[in-house]
Amino acid sequence: MARRPKRSHNGGPRLDEYKGPPWGKGDPYIFLAWQAAHAKAWKAPSHEVMLLRMDRAERLGLTYEEYTLEILERGRHLGHEDADRISAIKAARKRRRAHRLD
């Protein structure tokens, strides 16, 4: 049978398990601003935009996430004329996969 908590227990973790705020020793405003910007950038696009990106990514041999990240980071859509950049993305994918296996 589970033990009942003491009357003064708040239901949260023990104080010795507390590791501090999620922003660490940095500025909480900057942490929260980046967190909000990340959520806004990765907000789900409309269904049509998502299908368009998936189609373009598939034609280029990239994943949806790789293609979307390129749009967010560089501000431009990749095409067949960007073969050098596409090959660099694929090479980075192989390095990440090999690194996980180590």
PDB file of N, CA and C in Angstrom:
ATOM      1  N   MET A   1       0.841  -1.165   0.000  1.00  0.00           N
ATOM      2  CA  MET A   1       0.000   0.000   0.000  1.00  0.00           C
ATOM      3  C   MET A   1       0.898   1.243   0.000  1.00  0.00           C
ATOM      4  N   ALA A   2       0.505   2.249  -0.763  1.00  0.00           N
ATOM      5  CA  ALA A   2       1.296   3.469  -0.853  1.00  0.00           C
ATOM      6  C   ALA A   2       1.193   4.271   0.442  1.00  0.00           C
ATOM      7  N   ARG A   3       2.297   4.901   0.772  1.00  0.00           N
ATOM      8  CA  ARG A   3       2.296   5.722   1.985  1.00  0.00           C
ATOM      9  C   ARG A   3       1.593   7.038   1.723  1.00  0.00           C
ATOM     10  N   ARG A   4       0.835   7.483   2.683  1.00  0.00           N
ATOM     11  CA  ARG A   4       0.164   8.776   2.558  1.00  0.00           C
ATOM     12  C   ARG A   4       1.174   9.875   2.854  1.00  0.00           C
ATOM     13  N   PRO A   5       1.144  10.959   2.083  1.00  0.00           N
ATOM     14  CA  PRO A   5       2.075  12.050   2.376  1.00  0.00           C
ATOM     15  C   PRO A   5       1.725  12.746   3.686  1.00  0.00           C
ATOM     16  N   LYS A   6       2.738  13.346   4.278  1.00  0.00           N
ATOM     17  CA  LYS A   6       2.500  14.087   5.511  1.00  0.00           C
ATOM     18  C   LYS A   6       1.553  15.245   5.242  1.00  0.00           C
ATOM     19  N   ARG A   7       0.947  15.703   6.265  1.00  0.00           N
ATOM     20  CA  ARG A   7      -0.030  16.771   6.144  1.00  0.00           C
ATOM     21  C   ARG A   7       0.586  18.049   5.574  1.00  0.00           C
ATOM     22  N   SER A   8       1.835  18.307   5.826  1.00  0.00           N
ATOM     23  CA  SER A   8       2.483  19.535   5.367  1.00  0.00           C
ATOM     24  C   SER A   8       3.163  19.367   3.995  1.00  0.00           C
ATOM     25  N   HIS A   9       3.019  18.204   3.384  1.00  0.00           N
ATOM     26  CA  HIS A   9       3.670  17.955   2.097  1.00  0.00           C
ATOM     27  C   HIS A   9       2.934  18.703   0.988  1.00  0.00           C
ATOM     28  N   ASN A  10       3.689  19.365   0.080  1.00  0.00           N
ATOM     29  CA  ASN A  10       3.062  20.158  -0.974  1.00  0.00           C
ATOM     30  C   ASN A  10       2.825  19.368  -2.259  1.00  0.00           C
ATOM     31  N   GLY A  11       3.214  18.126  -2.312  1.00  0.00           N
ATOM     32  CA  GLY A  11       3.003  17.313  -3.492  1.00  0.00           C
ATOM     33  C   GLY A  11       4.069  17.475  -4.556  1.00  0.00           C
ATOM     34  N   GLY A  12       5.020  18.346  -4.372  1.00  0.00           N
ATOM     35  CA  GLY A  12       6.082  18.583  -5.349  1.00  0.00           C
ATOM     36  C   GLY A  12       7.306  17.741  -5.044  1.00  0.00           C
ATOM     37  N   PRO A  13       8.382  17.938  -5.827  1.00  0.00           N
ATOM     38  CA  PRO A  13       9.598  17.163  -5.588  1.00  0.00           C
ATOM     39  C   PRO A  13      10.282  17.598  -4.301  1.00  0.00           C
ATOM     40  N   ARG A  14      11.109  16.726  -3.807  1.00  0.00           N
ATOM     41  CA  ARG A  14      11.865  17.080  -2.609  1.00  0.00           C
ATOM     42  C   ARG A  14      12.844  18.192  -2.958  1.00  0.00           C
ATOM     43  N   LEU A  15      13.188  18.983  -1.998  1.00  0.00           N
ATOM     44  CA  LEU A  15      14.069  20.125  -2.254  1.00  0.00           C
ATOM     45  C   LEU A  15      15.458  19.692  -2.704  1.00  0.00           C
ATOM     46  N   ASP A  16      15.927  18.534  -2.285  1.00  0.00           N
ATOM     47  CA  ASP A  16      17.255  18.111  -2.709  1.00  0.00           C
ATOM     48  C   ASP A  16      17.261  17.660  -4.177  1.00  0.00           C
ATOM     49  N   GLU A  17      16.081  17.482  -4.809  1.00  0.00           N
ATOM     50  CA  GLU A  17      15.998  17.144  -6.222  1.00  0.00           C
ATOM     51  C   GLU A  17      15.911  18.388  -7.096  1.00  0.00           C
ATOM     52  N   TYR A  18      15.741  19.549  -6.513  1.00  0.00           N
ATOM     53  CA  TYR A  18      15.609  20.793  -7.265  1.00  0.00           C
ATOM     54  C   TYR A  18      16.950  21.154  -7.888  1.00  0.00           C
ATOM     55  N   LYS A  19      16.955  21.341  -9.198  1.00  0.00           N
ATOM     56  CA  LYS A  19      18.196  21.635  -9.903  1.00  0.00           C
ATOM     57  C   LYS A  19      18.294  23.089 -10.342  1.00  0.00           C
ATOM     58  N   GLY A  20      17.386  23.911  -9.928  1.00  0.00           N
ATOM     59  CA  GLY A  20      17.412  25.320 -10.285  1.00  0.00           C
ATOM     60  C   GLY A  20      16.483  25.622 -11.448  1.00  0.00           C
ATOM     61  N   PRO A  21      16.427  26.887 -11.843  1.00  0.00           N
ATOM     62  CA  PRO A  21      15.521  27.262 -12.930  1.00  0.00           C
ATOM     63  C   PRO A  21      16.009  26.705 -14.265  1.00  0.00           C
ATOM     64  N   PRO A  22      15.108  26.550 -15.234  1.00  0.00           N
ATOM     65  CA  PRO A  22      15.503  25.973 -16.521  1.00  0.00           C
ATOM     66  C   PRO A  22      16.489  26.840 -17.292  1.00  0.00           C
ATOM     67  N   TRP A  23      16.587  28.135 -16.993  1.00  0.00           N
ATOM     68  CA  TRP A  23      17.518  29.005 -17.708  1.00  0.00           C
ATOM     69  C   TRP A  23      18.902  29.006 -17.092  1.00  0.00           C
ATOM     70  N   GLY A  24      19.092  28.249 -16.034  1.00  0.00           N
ATOM     71  CA  GLY A  24      20.414  28.151 -15.416  1.00  0.00           C
ATOM     72  C   GLY A  24      20.813  29.445 -14.734  1.00  0.00           C
ATOM     73  N   LYS A  25      22.049  29.885 -14.962  1.00  0.00           N
ATOM     74  CA  LYS A  25      22.548  31.099 -14.331  1.00  0.00           C
ATOM     75  C   LYS A  25      22.398  32.321 -15.233  1.00  0.00           C
ATOM     76  N   GLY A  26      21.814  32.125 -16.424  1.00  0.00           N
ATOM     77  CA  GLY A  26      21.652  33.219 -17.380  1.00  0.00           C
ATOM     78  C   GLY A  26      20.444  34.093 -17.075  1.00  0.00           C
ATOM     79  N   ASP A  27      20.194  35.002 -17.986  1.00  0.00           N
ATOM     80  CA  ASP A  27      19.094  35.946 -17.861  1.00  0.00           C
ATOM     81  C   ASP A  27      17.779  35.253 -18.202  1.00  0.00           C
ATOM     82  N   PRO A  28      16.798  35.247 -17.295  1.00  0.00           N
ATOM     83  CA  PRO A  28      15.532  34.574 -17.585  1.00  0.00           C
ATOM     84  C   PRO A  28      14.768  35.218 -18.741  1.00  0.00           C
ATOM     85  N   TYR A  29      14.894  36.538 -18.924  1.00  0.00           N
ATOM     86  CA  TYR A  29      14.198  37.207 -20.017  1.00  0.00           C
ATOM     87  C   TYR A  29      14.673  36.685 -21.375  1.00  0.00           C
ATOM     88  N   ILE A  30      15.974  36.537 -21.532  1.00  0.00           N
ATOM     89  CA  ILE A  30      16.526  36.035 -22.792  1.00  0.00           C
ATOM     90  C   ILE A  30      16.082  34.598 -23.017  1.00  0.00           C
ATOM     91  N   PHE A  31      16.115  33.789 -21.984  1.00  0.00           N
ATOM     92  CA  PHE A  31      15.670  32.395 -22.103  1.00  0.00           C
ATOM     93  C   PHE A  31      14.221  32.324 -22.550  1.00  0.00           C
ATOM     94  N   LEU A  32      13.351  33.098 -21.901  1.00  0.00           N
ATOM     95  CA  LEU A  32      11.927  33.063 -22.235  1.00  0.00           C
ATOM     96  C   LEU A  32      11.665  33.648 -23.620  1.00  0.00           C
ATOM     97  N   ALA A  33      12.422  34.675 -24.026  1.00  0.00           N
ATOM     98  CA  ALA A  33      12.257  35.242 -25.364  1.00  0.00           C
ATOM     99  C   ALA A  33      12.643  34.228 -26.433  1.00  0.00           C
ATOM    100  N   TRP A  34      13.762  33.517 -26.222  1.00  0.00           N
ATOM    101  CA  TRP A  34      14.175  32.493 -27.180  1.00  0.00           C
ATOM    102  C   TRP A  34      13.187  31.332 -27.199  1.00  0.00           C
ATOM    103  N   GLN A  35      12.665  30.979 -26.054  1.00  0.00           N
ATOM    104  CA  GLN A  35      11.687  29.896 -25.981  1.00  0.00           C
ATOM    105  C   GLN A  35      10.428  30.266 -26.770  1.00  0.00           C
ATOM    106  N   ALA A  36       9.970  31.504 -26.630  1.00  0.00           N
ATOM    107  CA  ALA A  36       8.788  31.962 -27.362  1.00  0.00           C
ATOM    108  C   ALA A  36       9.074  32.033 -28.864  1.00  0.00           C
ATOM    109  N   ALA A  37      10.272  32.503 -29.239  1.00  0.00           N
ATOM    110  CA  ALA A  37      10.631  32.587 -30.657  1.00  0.00           C
ATOM    111  C   ALA A  37      10.724  31.201 -31.279  1.00  0.00           C
ATOM    112  N   HIS A  38      11.254  30.247 -30.540  1.00  0.00           N
ATOM    113  CA  HIS A  38      11.353  28.872 -31.038  1.00  0.00           C
ATOM    114  C   HIS A  38       9.963  28.290 -31.261  1.00  0.00           C
ATOM    115  N   ALA A  39       9.066  28.504 -30.305  1.00  0.00           N
ATOM    116  CA  ALA A  39       7.700  27.992 -30.438  1.00  0.00           C
ATOM    117  C   ALA A  39       6.991  28.635 -31.626  1.00  0.00           C
ATOM    118  N   LYS A  40       7.209  29.929 -31.844  1.00  0.00           N
ATOM    119  CA  LYS A  40       6.572  30.627 -32.959  1.00  0.00           C
ATOM    120  C   LYS A  40       7.129  30.138 -34.299  1.00  0.00           C
ATOM    121  N   ALA A  41       8.434  29.931 -34.369  1.00  0.00           N
ATOM    122  CA  ALA A  41       9.064  29.497 -35.618  1.00  0.00           C
ATOM    123  C   ALA A  41       8.635  28.089 -36.001  1.00  0.00           C
ATOM    124  N   TRP A  42       8.488  27.207 -35.027  1.00  0.00           N
ATOM    125  CA  TRP A  42       8.143  25.821 -35.314  1.00  0.00           C
ATOM    126  C   TRP A  42       6.649  25.548 -35.178  1.00  0.00           C
ATOM    127  N   LYS A  43       5.833  26.618 -35.122  1.00  0.00           N
ATOM    128  CA  LYS A  43       4.390  26.436 -35.077  1.00  0.00           C
ATOM    129  C   LYS A  43       3.955  25.746 -36.364  1.00  0.00           C
ATOM    130  N   ALA A  44       3.004  24.865 -36.246  1.00  0.00           N
ATOM    131  CA  ALA A  44       2.561  24.095 -37.410  1.00  0.00           C
ATOM    132  C   ALA A  44       2.014  25.026 -38.486  1.00  0.00           C
ATOM    133  N   PRO A  45       2.543  24.928 -39.714  1.00  0.00           N
ATOM    134  CA  PRO A  45       2.028  25.764 -40.805  1.00  0.00           C
ATOM    135  C   PRO A  45       0.675  25.224 -41.273  1.00  0.00           C
ATOM    136  N   SER A  46       0.080  25.947 -42.193  1.00  0.00           N
ATOM    137  CA  SER A  46      -1.197  25.471 -42.732  1.00  0.00           C
ATOM    138  C   SER A  46      -0.982  24.149 -43.471  1.00  0.00           C
ATOM    139  N   HIS A  47      -2.055  23.447 -43.691  1.00  0.00           N
ATOM    140  CA  HIS A  47      -1.979  22.133 -44.327  1.00  0.00           C
ATOM    141  C   HIS A  47      -1.372  22.238 -45.728  1.00  0.00           C
ATOM    142  N   GLU A  48      -1.753  23.262 -46.477  1.00  0.00           N
ATOM    143  CA  GLU A  48      -1.248  23.432 -47.837  1.00  0.00           C
ATOM    144  C   GLU A  48       0.253  23.707 -47.844  1.00  0.00           C
ATOM    145  N   VAL A  49       0.710  24.553 -46.930  1.00  0.00           N
ATOM    146  CA  VAL A  49       2.135  24.877 -46.852  1.00  0.00           C
ATOM    147  C   VAL A  49       2.934  23.638 -46.461  1.00  0.00           C
ATOM    148  N   MET A  50       2.414  22.870 -45.523  1.00  0.00           N
ATOM    149  CA  MET A  50       3.103  21.660 -45.100  1.00  0.00           C
ATOM    150  C   MET A  50       3.221  20.667 -46.259  1.00  0.00           C
ATOM    151  N   LEU A  51       2.147  20.485 -47.020  1.00  0.00           N
ATOM    152  CA  LEU A  51       2.199  19.569 -48.159  1.00  0.00           C
ATOM    153  C   LEU A  51       3.169  20.054 -49.226  1.00  0.00           C
ATOM    154  N   LEU A  52       3.194  21.361 -49.464  1.00  0.00           N
ATOM    155  CA  LEU A  52       4.125  21.928 -50.439  1.00  0.00           C
ATOM    156  C   LEU A  52       5.575  21.688 -50.009  1.00  0.00           C
ATOM    157  N   ARG A  53       5.867  21.939 -48.740  1.00  0.00           N
ATOM    158  CA  ARG A  53       7.230  21.717 -48.237  1.00  0.00           C
ATOM    159  C   ARG A  53       7.610  20.242 -48.286  1.00  0.00           C
ATOM    160  N   MET A  54       6.668  19.380 -47.932  1.00  0.00           N
ATOM    161  CA  MET A  54       6.961  17.944 -47.972  1.00  0.00           C
ATOM    162  C   MET A  54       7.258  17.492 -49.401  1.00  0.00           C
ATOM    163  N   ASP A  55       6.504  18.003 -50.366  1.00  0.00           N
ATOM    164  CA  ASP A  55       6.718  17.640 -51.763  1.00  0.00           C
ATOM    165  C   ASP A  55       8.086  18.126 -52.248  1.00  0.00           C
ATOM    166  N   ARG A  56       8.411  19.373 -51.959  1.00  0.00           N
ATOM    167  CA  ARG A  56       9.709  19.916 -52.382  1.00  0.00           C
ATOM    168  C   ARG A  56      10.867  19.189 -51.703  1.00  0.00           C
ATOM    169  N   ALA A  57      10.723  18.911 -50.411  1.00  0.00           N
ATOM    170  CA  ALA A  57      11.779  18.205 -49.685  1.00  0.00           C
ATOM    171  C   ALA A  57      11.987  16.815 -50.267  1.00  0.00           C
ATOM    172  N   GLU A  58      10.897  16.136 -50.566  1.00  0.00           N
ATOM    173  CA  GLU A  58      10.996  14.785 -51.122  1.00  0.00           C
ATOM    174  C   GLU A  58      11.684  14.806 -52.488  1.00  0.00           C
ATOM    175  N   ARG A  59      11.347  15.798 -53.329  1.00  0.00           N
ATOM    176  CA  ARG A  59      11.983  15.897 -54.644  1.00  0.00           C
ATOM    177  C   ARG A  59      13.478  16.180 -54.539  1.00  0.00           C
ATOM    178  N   LEU A  60      13.893  16.869 -53.470  1.00  0.00           N
ATOM    179  CA  LEU A  60      15.308  17.191 -53.286  1.00  0.00           C
ATOM    180  C   LEU A  60      16.056  16.118 -52.501  1.00  0.00           C
ATOM    181  N   GLY A  61      15.339  15.140 -51.949  1.00  0.00           N
ATOM    182  CA  GLY A  61      15.969  14.081 -51.171  1.00  0.00           C
ATOM    183  C   GLY A  61      16.243  14.465 -49.733  1.00  0.00           C
ATOM    184  N   LEU A  62      15.499  15.444 -49.223  1.00  0.00           N
ATOM    185  CA  LEU A  62      15.660  15.891 -47.844  1.00  0.00           C
ATOM    186  C   LEU A  62      14.437  15.497 -47.033  1.00  0.00           C
ATOM    187  N   THR A  63      14.577  15.557 -45.714  1.00  0.00           N
ATOM    188  CA  THR A  63      13.422  15.349 -44.861  1.00  0.00           C
ATOM    189  C   THR A  63      12.675  16.670 -44.718  1.00  0.00           C
ATOM    190  N   TYR A  64      11.432  16.591 -44.272  1.00  0.00           N
ATOM    191  CA  TYR A  64      10.636  17.808 -44.059  1.00  0.00           C
ATOM    192  C   TYR A  64      11.334  18.726 -43.062  1.00  0.00           C
ATOM    193  N   GLU A  65      11.895  18.157 -41.995  1.00  0.00           N
ATOM    194  CA  GLU A  65      12.553  18.963 -40.969  1.00  0.00           C
ATOM    195  C   GLU A  65      13.790  19.661 -41.525  1.00  0.00           C
ATOM    196  N   GLU A  66      14.589  18.962 -42.316  1.00  0.00           N
ATOM    197  CA  GLU A  66      15.788  19.568 -42.904  1.00  0.00           C
ATOM    198  C   GLU A  66      15.412  20.719 -43.834  1.00  0.00           C
ATOM    199  N   TYR A  67      14.392  20.504 -44.655  1.00  0.00           N
ATOM    200  CA  TYR A  67      13.967  21.542 -45.591  1.00  0.00           C
ATOM    201  C   TYR A  67      13.413  22.758 -44.850  1.00  0.00           C
ATOM    202  N   THR A  68      12.564  22.518 -43.835  1.00  0.00           N
ATOM    203  CA  THR A  68      11.979  23.611 -43.063  1.00  0.00           C
ATOM    204  C   THR A  68      13.051  24.365 -42.283  1.00  0.00           C
ATOM    205  N   LEU A  69      14.003  23.649 -41.729  1.00  0.00           N
ATOM    206  CA  LEU A  69      15.087  24.302 -40.993  1.00  0.00           C
ATOM    207  C   LEU A  69      15.903  25.196 -41.911  1.00  0.00           C
ATOM    208  N   GLU A  70      16.108  24.779 -43.128  1.00  0.00           N
ATOM    209  CA  GLU A  70      16.838  25.598 -44.098  1.00  0.00           C
ATOM    210  C   GLU A  70      16.071  26.888 -44.397  1.00  0.00           C
ATOM    211  N   ILE A  71      14.758  26.796 -44.515  1.00  0.00           N
ATOM    212  CA  ILE A  71      13.942  27.991 -44.740  1.00  0.00           C
ATOM    213  C   ILE A  71      14.042  28.928 -43.541  1.00  0.00           C
ATOM    214  N   LEU A  72      13.958  28.374 -42.330  1.00  0.00           N
ATOM    215  CA  LEU A  72      13.999  29.197 -41.124  1.00  0.00           C
ATOM    216  C   LEU A  72      15.375  29.825 -40.912  1.00  0.00           C
ATOM    217  N   GLU A  73      16.445  29.078 -41.195  1.00  0.00           N
ATOM    218  CA  GLU A  73      17.794  29.593 -40.959  1.00  0.00           C
ATOM    219  C   GLU A  73      18.252  30.560 -42.044  1.00  0.00           C
ATOM    220  N   ARG A  74      18.008  30.221 -43.303  1.00  0.00           N
ATOM    221  CA  ARG A  74      18.557  30.997 -44.416  1.00  0.00           C
ATOM    222  C   ARG A  74      17.538  31.933 -45.055  1.00  0.00           C
ATOM    223  N   GLY A  75      16.247  31.672 -44.818  1.00  0.00           N
ATOM    224  CA  GLY A  75      15.222  32.532 -45.367  1.00  0.00           C
ATOM    225  C   GLY A  75      14.971  32.320 -46.845  1.00  0.00           C
ATOM    226  N   ARG A  76      15.337  31.162 -47.372  1.00  0.00           N
ATOM    227  CA  ARG A  76      15.095  30.901 -48.789  1.00  0.00           C
ATOM    228  C   ARG A  76      14.755  29.433 -48.985  1.00  0.00           C
ATOM    229  N   HIS A  77      13.997  29.197 -50.051  1.00  0.00           N
ATOM    230  CA  HIS A  77      13.599  27.835 -50.397  1.00  0.00           C
ATOM    231  C   HIS A  77      14.668  27.223 -51.294  1.00  0.00           C
ATOM    232  N   LEU A  78      15.016  25.980 -51.019  1.00  0.00           N
ATOM    233  CA  LEU A  78      16.023  25.296 -51.815  1.00  0.00           C
ATOM    234  C   LEU A  78      15.421  24.795 -53.114  1.00  0.00           C
ATOM    235  N   GLY A  79      16.265  24.727 -54.132  1.00  0.00           N
ATOM    236  CA  GLY A  79      15.864  24.189 -55.422  1.00  0.00           C
ATOM    237  C   GLY A  79      16.992  23.331 -55.969  1.00  0.00           C
ATOM    238  N   HIS A  80      16.803  22.835 -57.179  1.00  0.00           N
ATOM    239  CA  HIS A  80      17.830  21.974 -57.786  1.00  0.00           C
ATOM    240  C   HIS A  80      19.130  22.733 -58.055  1.00  0.00           C
ATOM    241  N   GLU A  81      19.060  24.058 -58.167  1.00  0.00           N
ATOM    242  CA  GLU A  81      20.280  24.847 -58.381  1.00  0.00           C
ATOM    243  C   GLU A  81      21.141  24.949 -57.123  1.00  0.00           C
ATOM    244  N   ASP A  82      20.607  24.545 -55.985  1.00  0.00           N
ATOM    245  CA  ASP A  82      21.342  24.575 -54.714  1.00  0.00           C
ATOM    246  C   ASP A  82      21.932  23.211 -54.388  1.00  0.00           C
ATOM    247  N   ALA A  83      22.478  22.546 -55.373  1.00  0.00           N
ATOM    248  CA  ALA A  83      22.983  21.174 -55.200  1.00  0.00           C
ATOM    249  C   ALA A  83      24.091  21.102 -54.152  1.00  0.00           C
ATOM    250  N   ASP A  84      24.951  22.117 -54.099  1.00  0.00           N
ATOM    251  CA  ASP A  84      26.038  22.103 -53.109  1.00  0.00           C
ATOM    252  C   ASP A  84      25.492  22.129 -51.685  1.00  0.00           C
ATOM    253  N   ARG A  85      24.513  22.990 -51.442  1.00  0.00           N
ATOM    254  CA  ARG A  85      23.934  23.095 -50.101  1.00  0.00           C
ATOM    255  C   ARG A  85      23.181  21.818 -49.741  1.00  0.00           C
ATOM    256  N   ILE A  86      22.471  21.245 -50.681  1.00  0.00           N
ATOM    257  CA  ILE A  86      21.726  20.013 -50.436  1.00  0.00           C
ATOM    258  C   ILE A  86      22.678  18.871 -50.096  1.00  0.00           C
ATOM    259  N   SER A  87      23.791  18.775 -50.822  1.00  0.00           N
ATOM    260  CA  SER A  87      24.763  17.718 -50.520  1.00  0.00           C
ATOM    261  C   SER A  87      25.403  17.938 -49.151  1.00  0.00           C
ATOM    262  N   ALA A  88      25.591  19.198 -48.756  1.00  0.00           N
ATOM    263  CA  ALA A  88      26.142  19.486 -47.427  1.00  0.00           C
ATOM    264  C   ALA A  88      25.161  19.055 -46.335  1.00  0.00           C
ATOM    265  N   ILE A  89      23.872  19.269 -46.557  1.00  0.00           N
ATOM    266  CA  ILE A  89      22.860  18.858 -45.585  1.00  0.00           C
ATOM    267  C   ILE A  89      22.839  17.341 -45.457  1.00  0.00           C
ATOM    268  N   LYS A  90      22.921  16.649 -46.599  1.00  0.00           N
ATOM    269  CA  LYS A  90      22.923  15.183 -46.574  1.00  0.00           C
ATOM    270  C   LYS A  90      24.180  14.640 -45.903  1.00  0.00           C
ATOM    271  N   ALA A  91      25.327  15.289 -46.125  1.00  0.00           N
ATOM    272  CA  ALA A  91      26.569  14.852 -45.480  1.00  0.00           C
ATOM    273  C   ALA A  91      26.479  15.044 -43.965  1.00  0.00           C
ATOM    274  N   ALA A  92      25.881  16.158 -43.537  1.00  0.00           N
ATOM    275  CA  ALA A  92      25.713  16.399 -42.096  1.00  0.00           C
ATOM    276  C   ALA A  92      24.785  15.356 -41.489  1.00  0.00           C
ATOM    277  N   ARG A  93      23.787  14.932 -42.253  1.00  0.00           N
ATOM    278  CA  ARG A  93      22.864  13.898 -41.781  1.00  0.00           C
ATOM    279  C   ARG A  93      23.621  12.597 -41.537  1.00  0.00           C
ATOM    280  N   LYS A  94      24.510  12.244 -42.454  1.00  0.00           N
ATOM    281  CA  LYS A  94      25.286  11.012 -42.305  1.00  0.00           C
ATOM    282  C   LYS A  94      26.230  11.104 -41.111  1.00  0.00           C
ATOM    283  N   ARG A  95      26.820  12.297 -40.894  1.00  0.00           N
ATOM    284  CA  ARG A  95      27.717  12.470 -39.738  1.00  0.00           C
ATOM    285  C   ARG A  95      26.939  12.342 -38.431  1.00  0.00           C
ATOM    286  N   ARG A  96      25.732  12.922 -38.379  1.00  0.00           N
ATOM    287  CA  ARG A  96      24.911  12.812 -37.162  1.00  0.00           C
ATOM    288  C   ARG A  96      24.531  11.362 -36.893  1.00  0.00           C
ATOM    289  N   ARG A  97      24.170  10.647 -37.946  1.00  0.00           N
ATOM    290  CA  ARG A  97      23.766   9.254 -37.786  1.00  0.00           C
ATOM    291  C   ARG A  97      24.948   8.410 -37.318  1.00  0.00           C
ATOM    292  N   ALA A  98      26.131   8.645 -37.881  1.00  0.00           N
ATOM    293  CA  ALA A  98      27.321   7.880 -37.477  1.00  0.00           C
ATOM    294  C   ALA A  98      27.719   8.237 -36.055  1.00  0.00           C
ATOM    295  N   HIS A  99      27.541   9.490 -35.677  1.00  0.00           N
ATOM    296  CA  HIS A  99      27.901   9.918 -34.328  1.00  0.00           C
ATOM    297  C   HIS A  99      27.002   9.244 -33.291  1.00  0.00           C
ATOM    298  N   ARG A 100      25.724   9.045 -33.616  1.00  0.00           N
ATOM    299  CA  ARG A 100      24.801   8.382 -32.679  1.00  0.00           C
ATOM    300  C   ARG A 100      25.178   6.924 -32.466  1.00  0.00           C
ATOM    301  N   LEU A 101      25.775   6.302 -33.466  1.00  0.00           N
ATOM    302  CA  LEU A 101      26.121   4.891 -33.361  1.00  0.00           C
ATOM    303  C   LEU A 101      27.367   4.665 -32.510  1.00  0.00           C
ATOM    304  N   ASP A 102      28.165   5.708 -32.312  1.00  0.00           N
ATOM    305  CA  ASP A 102      29.399   5.554 -31.515  1.00  0.00           C
ATOM    306  C   ASP A 102      29.125   5.301 -30.057  1.00  0.00           C
TER     307      ASP A 102
END
